[in-house]
Protein backbone atom coordinates (compact mmCIF):
# COMPACT_ATOMS: atom_id res chain seq x y z
CA MET A 1 -92.82 -59.91 -185.77
CA TYR A 2 -96.05 -58.43 -187.12
CA ASP A 3 -99.47 -59.91 -186.50
CA ILE A 4 -100.68 -59.20 -190.03
CA CYS A 5 -98.83 -57.90 -193.10
CA CYS A 6 -100.63 -56.82 -196.27
CA VAL A 7 -98.84 -56.91 -199.63
CA GLY A 8 -100.33 -54.75 -202.36
CA HIS A 9 -100.07 -51.58 -204.40
CA ILE A 10 -101.71 -48.31 -203.45
CA THR A 11 -103.36 -46.98 -206.59
CA SER A 12 -103.99 -43.54 -207.94
CA ASP A 13 -107.58 -43.62 -209.21
CA LYS A 14 -109.36 -41.37 -211.67
CA VAL A 15 -113.13 -41.78 -211.41
CA VAL A 16 -115.19 -40.26 -214.22
CA ASN A 17 -118.97 -40.17 -214.26
CA THR A 18 -121.50 -38.13 -216.18
CA HIS A 19 -121.19 -35.19 -213.77
CA THR A 20 -117.73 -35.16 -212.19
CA THR A 21 -114.14 -36.34 -212.41
CA LEU A 22 -112.49 -37.30 -209.10
CA TYR A 23 -108.91 -38.24 -208.23
CA MET A 24 -108.20 -40.38 -205.16
CA PRO A 25 -105.96 -43.15 -203.81
CA GLY A 26 -107.35 -46.68 -203.74
CA GLY A 27 -106.58 -50.37 -203.92
CA THR A 28 -106.67 -53.25 -201.45
CA ALA A 29 -103.56 -51.80 -199.79
CA LEU A 30 -105.40 -48.60 -198.88
CA TYR A 31 -108.75 -50.00 -197.73
CA PHE A 32 -107.38 -53.06 -195.92
CA SER A 33 -104.71 -50.98 -194.17
CA SER A 34 -107.03 -48.15 -193.15
CA ALA A 35 -109.28 -50.67 -191.44
CA PHE A 36 -106.42 -51.48 -189.06
CA SER A 37 -105.87 -47.87 -187.99
CA GLN A 38 -107.76 -48.39 -184.71
CA LEU A 39 -107.62 -52.18 -184.33
CA ASN A 40 -105.40 -53.69 -181.66
CA ALA A 41 -102.95 -55.52 -183.92
CA LYS A 42 -99.33 -55.07 -184.93
CA TYR A 43 -99.82 -54.34 -188.61
CA LEU A 44 -97.58 -53.65 -191.61
CA LEU A 45 -98.32 -52.68 -195.20
CA VAL A 46 -95.72 -53.44 -197.86
CA THR A 47 -96.41 -51.42 -200.99
CA ALA A 48 -94.69 -49.91 -204.03
CA LEU A 49 -95.44 -46.65 -205.81
CA ALA A 50 -93.81 -43.69 -207.51
CA GLU A 51 -91.94 -41.43 -205.11
CA ALA A 52 -94.05 -38.50 -206.33
CA ASP A 53 -97.05 -40.25 -204.72
CA PHE A 54 -95.46 -40.99 -201.35
CA GLY A 55 -97.94 -38.54 -199.88
CA TYR A 56 -100.41 -41.46 -199.89
CA VAL A 57 -97.98 -43.32 -197.62
CA ARG A 58 -97.64 -40.37 -195.27
CA ASP A 59 -101.43 -40.13 -195.04
CA LEU A 60 -101.56 -43.75 -193.82
CA GLN A 61 -98.68 -43.20 -191.42
CA GLN A 62 -100.58 -40.29 -189.89
CA LYS A 63 -103.29 -42.85 -189.02
CA ASN A 64 -100.66 -44.83 -187.06
CA ILE A 65 -100.30 -47.43 -189.83
CA THR A 66 -96.80 -48.82 -190.33
CA VAL A 67 -95.83 -48.81 -194.02
CA LYS A 68 -92.80 -50.14 -195.87
CA ALA A 69 -92.94 -48.42 -199.25
CA TYR A 70 -90.63 -49.33 -202.11
CA PRO A 71 -90.08 -46.82 -204.92
CA SER A 72 -91.48 -47.83 -208.30
CA PRO A 73 -91.08 -46.08 -211.66
CA GLU A 74 -94.87 -45.63 -211.72
CA THR A 75 -97.88 -45.85 -209.41
CA VAL A 76 -100.73 -48.11 -210.53
CA TYR A 77 -103.12 -45.68 -212.19
CA PHE A 78 -106.70 -46.84 -212.74
CA GLU A 79 -109.21 -44.87 -214.78
CA ASN A 80 -112.82 -45.86 -214.08
CA ILE A 81 -115.40 -44.37 -216.44
CA TYR A 82 -119.07 -44.79 -215.48
CA GLY A 83 -122.14 -44.22 -217.66
CA GLU A 84 -125.58 -43.20 -216.43
CA ASN A 85 -125.95 -46.75 -215.12
CA GLN A 86 -123.27 -47.34 -212.45
CA ASP A 87 -122.96 -50.97 -213.62
CA ASP A 88 -121.79 -49.64 -216.99
CA ARG A 89 -118.07 -49.23 -216.27
CA THR A 90 -115.01 -49.03 -218.49
CA GLN A 91 -111.77 -49.64 -216.62
CA ASN A 92 -108.38 -48.63 -217.98
CA VAL A 93 -104.91 -48.97 -216.51
CA LEU A 94 -102.81 -45.99 -217.54
CA HIS A 95 -99.72 -46.99 -215.51
CA LYS A 96 -98.51 -50.17 -213.77
CA ALA A 97 -96.23 -50.35 -210.73
CA ALA A 98 -93.23 -52.62 -210.36
CA PRO A 99 -94.12 -56.13 -209.14
CA PHE A 100 -93.07 -57.30 -205.68
CA HIS A 101 -90.20 -59.77 -205.22
CA SER A 102 -88.92 -62.08 -202.49
CA ASP A 103 -85.86 -60.02 -201.56
CA GLN A 104 -88.15 -57.27 -200.25
CA PHE A 105 -89.35 -59.62 -197.49
CA ASN A 106 -86.05 -61.00 -196.18
CA ASN A 107 -86.41 -59.14 -192.88
CA ILE A 108 -90.20 -59.12 -192.57
CA ASP A 109 -91.95 -61.72 -190.41
CA ALA A 110 -95.66 -61.95 -189.65
CA ASN A 111 -98.27 -64.42 -188.48
CA PHE A 112 -100.45 -63.68 -191.52
CA PHE A 113 -99.54 -62.32 -194.94
CA HIS A 114 -102.56 -61.01 -196.87
CA LEU A 115 -102.00 -60.68 -200.62
CA GLY A 116 -103.99 -58.06 -202.50
CA PRO A 117 -102.87 -58.14 -206.15
CA LEU A 118 -104.57 -55.67 -208.47
CA LEU A 119 -103.21 -57.14 -211.70
CA ALA A 120 -102.07 -60.61 -212.71
CA ASP A 121 -98.32 -59.93 -212.52
CA ASP A 122 -98.20 -57.94 -209.26
CA ILE A 123 -97.18 -60.88 -207.05
CA PRO A 124 -95.11 -63.68 -208.64
CA SER A 125 -95.59 -67.33 -207.69
CA GLU A 126 -92.12 -67.49 -206.12
CA LEU A 127 -93.03 -64.75 -203.65
CA VAL A 128 -96.17 -66.60 -202.56
CA GLN A 129 -94.07 -69.68 -201.84
CA THR A 130 -91.51 -67.61 -199.93
CA LEU A 131 -94.18 -66.06 -197.71
CA ALA A 132 -95.94 -69.39 -197.14
CA ALA A 133 -92.69 -70.76 -195.72
CA LYS A 134 -92.81 -68.00 -193.08
CA ALA A 135 -96.50 -67.72 -192.17
CA ARG A 136 -100.14 -68.30 -193.00
CA VAL A 137 -101.10 -66.69 -196.31
CA SER A 138 -104.47 -65.29 -197.35
CA LEU A 139 -105.34 -64.11 -200.85
CA ASP A 140 -107.93 -61.85 -202.42
CA VAL A 141 -107.90 -63.46 -205.84
CA GLN A 142 -109.41 -60.67 -207.97
CA GLY A 143 -106.12 -59.23 -209.26
CA PHE A 144 -104.95 -62.58 -210.61
CA LEU A 145 -108.06 -62.61 -212.81
CA ARG A 146 -107.31 -59.27 -214.51
CA GLU A 147 -104.94 -58.58 -217.36
CA VAL A 148 -104.14 -55.37 -219.21
CA LYS A 149 -104.11 -55.14 -223.02
CA ASP A 150 -103.65 -51.75 -224.66
CA LYS A 151 -104.38 -50.12 -221.30
CA LYS A 152 -107.79 -51.81 -221.00
CA VAL A 153 -108.60 -54.31 -218.23
CA TYR A 154 -109.94 -57.70 -219.26
CA ALA A 155 -111.05 -60.71 -217.27
CA THR A 156 -108.62 -63.58 -217.66
CA GLN A 157 -107.96 -67.06 -216.38
CA TRP A 158 -105.14 -67.62 -213.91
CA PRO A 159 -102.68 -70.13 -215.40
CA GLN A 160 -100.69 -70.41 -212.14
CA MET A 161 -103.72 -71.35 -210.03
CA ALA A 162 -102.71 -74.98 -209.45
CA GLU A 163 -99.14 -73.88 -208.73
CA VAL A 164 -100.02 -71.18 -206.19
CA LEU A 165 -103.16 -72.28 -204.33
CA PRO A 166 -101.42 -75.09 -202.40
CA PHE A 167 -99.56 -72.28 -200.58
CA ILE A 168 -102.75 -70.32 -199.74
CA GLU A 169 -104.57 -71.03 -196.47
CA ILE A 170 -107.44 -68.52 -196.84
CA LEU A 171 -108.91 -67.39 -200.16
CA LYS A 172 -111.53 -64.71 -200.83
CA ALA A 173 -113.48 -64.45 -204.07
CA ASP A 174 -116.90 -63.23 -205.06
CA VAL A 175 -119.30 -65.53 -206.91
CA ALA A 176 -118.26 -64.32 -210.37
CA GLU A 177 -114.56 -64.56 -209.51
CA LEU A 178 -114.98 -68.14 -208.30
CA GLN A 179 -116.61 -69.03 -211.62
CA ALA A 180 -113.79 -67.36 -213.57
CA LEU A 181 -111.18 -69.05 -211.39
CA THR A 182 -112.52 -72.60 -211.63
CA GLY A 183 -114.78 -72.65 -214.68
CA CYS A 184 -117.58 -74.03 -212.48
CA GLU A 185 -120.97 -72.33 -212.59
CA ASP A 186 -122.04 -74.17 -209.45
CA THR A 187 -120.53 -72.55 -206.35
CA ILE A 188 -120.15 -75.81 -204.42
CA GLU A 189 -118.30 -77.41 -207.33
CA GLY A 190 -116.03 -74.37 -207.60
CA VAL A 191 -115.28 -74.44 -203.89
CA LYS A 192 -114.37 -78.13 -204.17
CA VAL A 193 -111.85 -77.37 -206.93
CA VAL A 194 -110.19 -74.75 -204.71
CA ALA A 195 -110.30 -76.93 -201.58
CA ASP A 196 -108.80 -79.89 -203.45
CA LEU A 197 -105.77 -77.70 -204.18
CA GLY A 198 -105.20 -77.28 -200.44
CA VAL A 199 -106.97 -74.04 -199.48
CA LYS A 200 -108.37 -74.50 -195.95
CA GLU A 201 -110.79 -71.55 -195.69
CA ILE A 202 -112.68 -70.29 -198.73
CA ILE A 203 -114.71 -67.10 -198.42
CA ILE A 204 -117.27 -66.47 -201.16
CA THR A 205 -118.89 -63.03 -201.01
CA ASN A 206 -122.10 -62.06 -202.78
CA GLY A 207 -122.77 -58.40 -202.03
CA SER A 208 -126.07 -57.74 -200.30
CA GLN A 209 -126.70 -61.50 -200.20
CA GLY A 210 -123.92 -61.91 -197.64
CA SER A 211 -121.16 -64.50 -197.78
CA VAL A 212 -120.50 -68.19 -197.24
CA ILE A 213 -117.30 -69.53 -195.67
CA TYR A 214 -116.23 -73.08 -196.39
CA ALA A 215 -113.77 -74.59 -193.91
CA GLY A 216 -113.06 -78.28 -193.48
CA ASN A 217 -116.31 -80.11 -194.10
CA GLU A 218 -118.43 -77.22 -192.82
CA SER A 219 -120.05 -74.22 -194.47
CA TYR A 220 -121.04 -71.08 -192.60
CA THR A 221 -123.66 -68.73 -194.03
CA ILE A 222 -122.89 -65.15 -193.00
CA PRO A 223 -125.60 -62.54 -193.62
CA ALA A 224 -124.90 -59.01 -194.76
CA TYR A 225 -125.31 -56.38 -192.05
CA PRO A 226 -126.29 -53.16 -193.86
CA PRO A 227 -126.63 -49.76 -192.18
CA ASP A 228 -129.85 -47.77 -192.50
CA GLU A 229 -128.39 -46.01 -195.54
CA ILE A 230 -125.54 -47.21 -197.74
CA ILE A 231 -123.34 -44.27 -198.72
CA ASP A 232 -120.18 -45.82 -200.18
CA ALA A 233 -119.50 -49.50 -200.82
CA THR A 234 -115.99 -49.00 -202.22
CA GLY A 235 -113.46 -51.19 -200.44
CA CYS A 236 -116.10 -53.38 -198.77
CA GLY A 237 -114.38 -56.65 -199.61
CA ASP A 238 -111.04 -55.39 -198.32
CA THR A 239 -112.68 -54.22 -195.09
CA TYR A 240 -114.35 -57.63 -194.70
CA MET A 241 -111.00 -59.39 -195.04
CA ALA A 242 -109.34 -57.05 -192.55
CA GLY A 243 -112.01 -57.89 -189.98
CA TYR A 244 -111.85 -61.60 -190.73
CA LEU A 245 -108.07 -61.91 -190.42
CA PHE A 246 -108.04 -59.71 -187.32
CA GLN A 247 -110.45 -62.09 -185.60
CA ARG A 248 -108.77 -65.26 -186.89
CA PHE A 249 -105.44 -63.95 -185.57
CA LYS A 250 -107.16 -63.53 -182.20
CA ALA A 251 -108.18 -67.22 -182.45
CA ALA A 252 -111.87 -66.55 -183.09
CA GLY A 253 -113.72 -69.35 -184.85
CA VAL A 254 -114.62 -69.16 -188.53
CA GLU A 255 -118.27 -68.20 -187.98
CA GLU A 256 -117.47 -65.60 -185.31
CA ALA A 257 -114.79 -64.06 -187.52
CA GLY A 258 -117.16 -64.04 -190.50
CA ASN A 259 -119.91 -62.23 -188.61
CA PHE A 260 -117.45 -59.65 -187.31
CA ALA A 261 -116.07 -59.17 -190.83
CA ALA A 262 -119.52 -58.72 -192.35
CA ALA A 263 -120.50 -56.20 -189.68
CA MET A 264 -117.27 -54.27 -190.21
CA ALA A 265 -117.89 -54.16 -193.96
CA GLY A 266 -121.49 -53.07 -193.40
CA LEU A 267 -120.47 -50.32 -191.01
CA LYS A 268 -117.91 -49.09 -193.52
CA THR A 269 -120.66 -48.50 -196.12
CA ALA A 270 -122.37 -45.96 -193.86
CA LYS A 271 -119.67 -43.36 -194.65
CA THR A 272 -117.53 -42.33 -197.58
CA GLY A 273 -113.91 -43.45 -197.64
CA PRO A 274 -112.10 -46.25 -195.81
CA PHE A 275 -113.24 -47.73 -192.50
CA THR A 276 -111.81 -45.87 -189.51
CA GLY A 277 -113.70 -47.35 -186.56
CA ASN A 278 -112.51 -49.70 -183.83
CA GLU A 279 -113.44 -53.16 -182.56
CA SER A 280 -116.01 -51.80 -180.09
CA ASP A 281 -117.76 -49.89 -182.88
CA VAL A 282 -118.08 -53.08 -184.92
CA LEU A 283 -119.37 -55.14 -181.99
CA ALA A 284 -121.89 -52.45 -181.07
CA PHE A 285 -123.15 -52.37 -184.67
CA LEU A 286 -123.30 -56.18 -184.84
CA SER A 287 -125.27 -56.28 -181.58
CA THR A 288 -128.11 -54.38 -183.28
CA PHE A 289 -128.61 -57.46 -185.49
CA VAL A 290 -127.69 -60.41 -183.26
CA GLU A 291 -127.38 -61.10 -179.56
CA LEU A 292 -123.69 -61.26 -178.64
């Protein structure tokens, strides 16, 4: 029995800007998993990628992360092309990996399953229902709002929303994703749509503005906790969710878990690459902002 199991594809990313071209692994699977490398939890990543890229798996295993990797004909291959303005991004998908399916989880049990789809067809509805019968399920919704046409990524609606969300206990979305998901420009109205479908904890992130967590009839405003200098914000949302689920598994309350998660995400931005600290590092960083 694992404490937390993440389901998602490791990606092979090509990042092109006006000066350089970089190649690196990425995806929720990488950033969420790396955050657990020094946390006291029994953790498992279930992923799928081309056997030629299994070096990414070995890199995680060298960080003491347990990985179950299924071979796929291709690894998800994202190409991100940035202009002079970093907000000017073209995103292409040059390869897609095989989707996950229920048979892959027959012998895997966990207290939490965290789903990190990158594209709309990564995780079928039937698998969500299968996992919800075993454990509590959390979802980072962004992948269900992306579709690929002629190798280009487009925002899309999620037709299976009403079918799947009743099986989700915790959902994370940013403000724009919540609007795309529900069609509601008002955040409170959007949250109500999601809550009415059965989601118990709804985390809405808003970058440097922090996040708000809606649970039951309460809302908890969680500030951002930035370091003195932000070096690399890639994977911040995944790091936040790793911290949040880690604390919720330990029976922390929603607000306590949210503050820990925000501090962990903030600390991650102080360095390039995934988060590699431990719980004490996060608490020490958080204590510079609030009295613990």
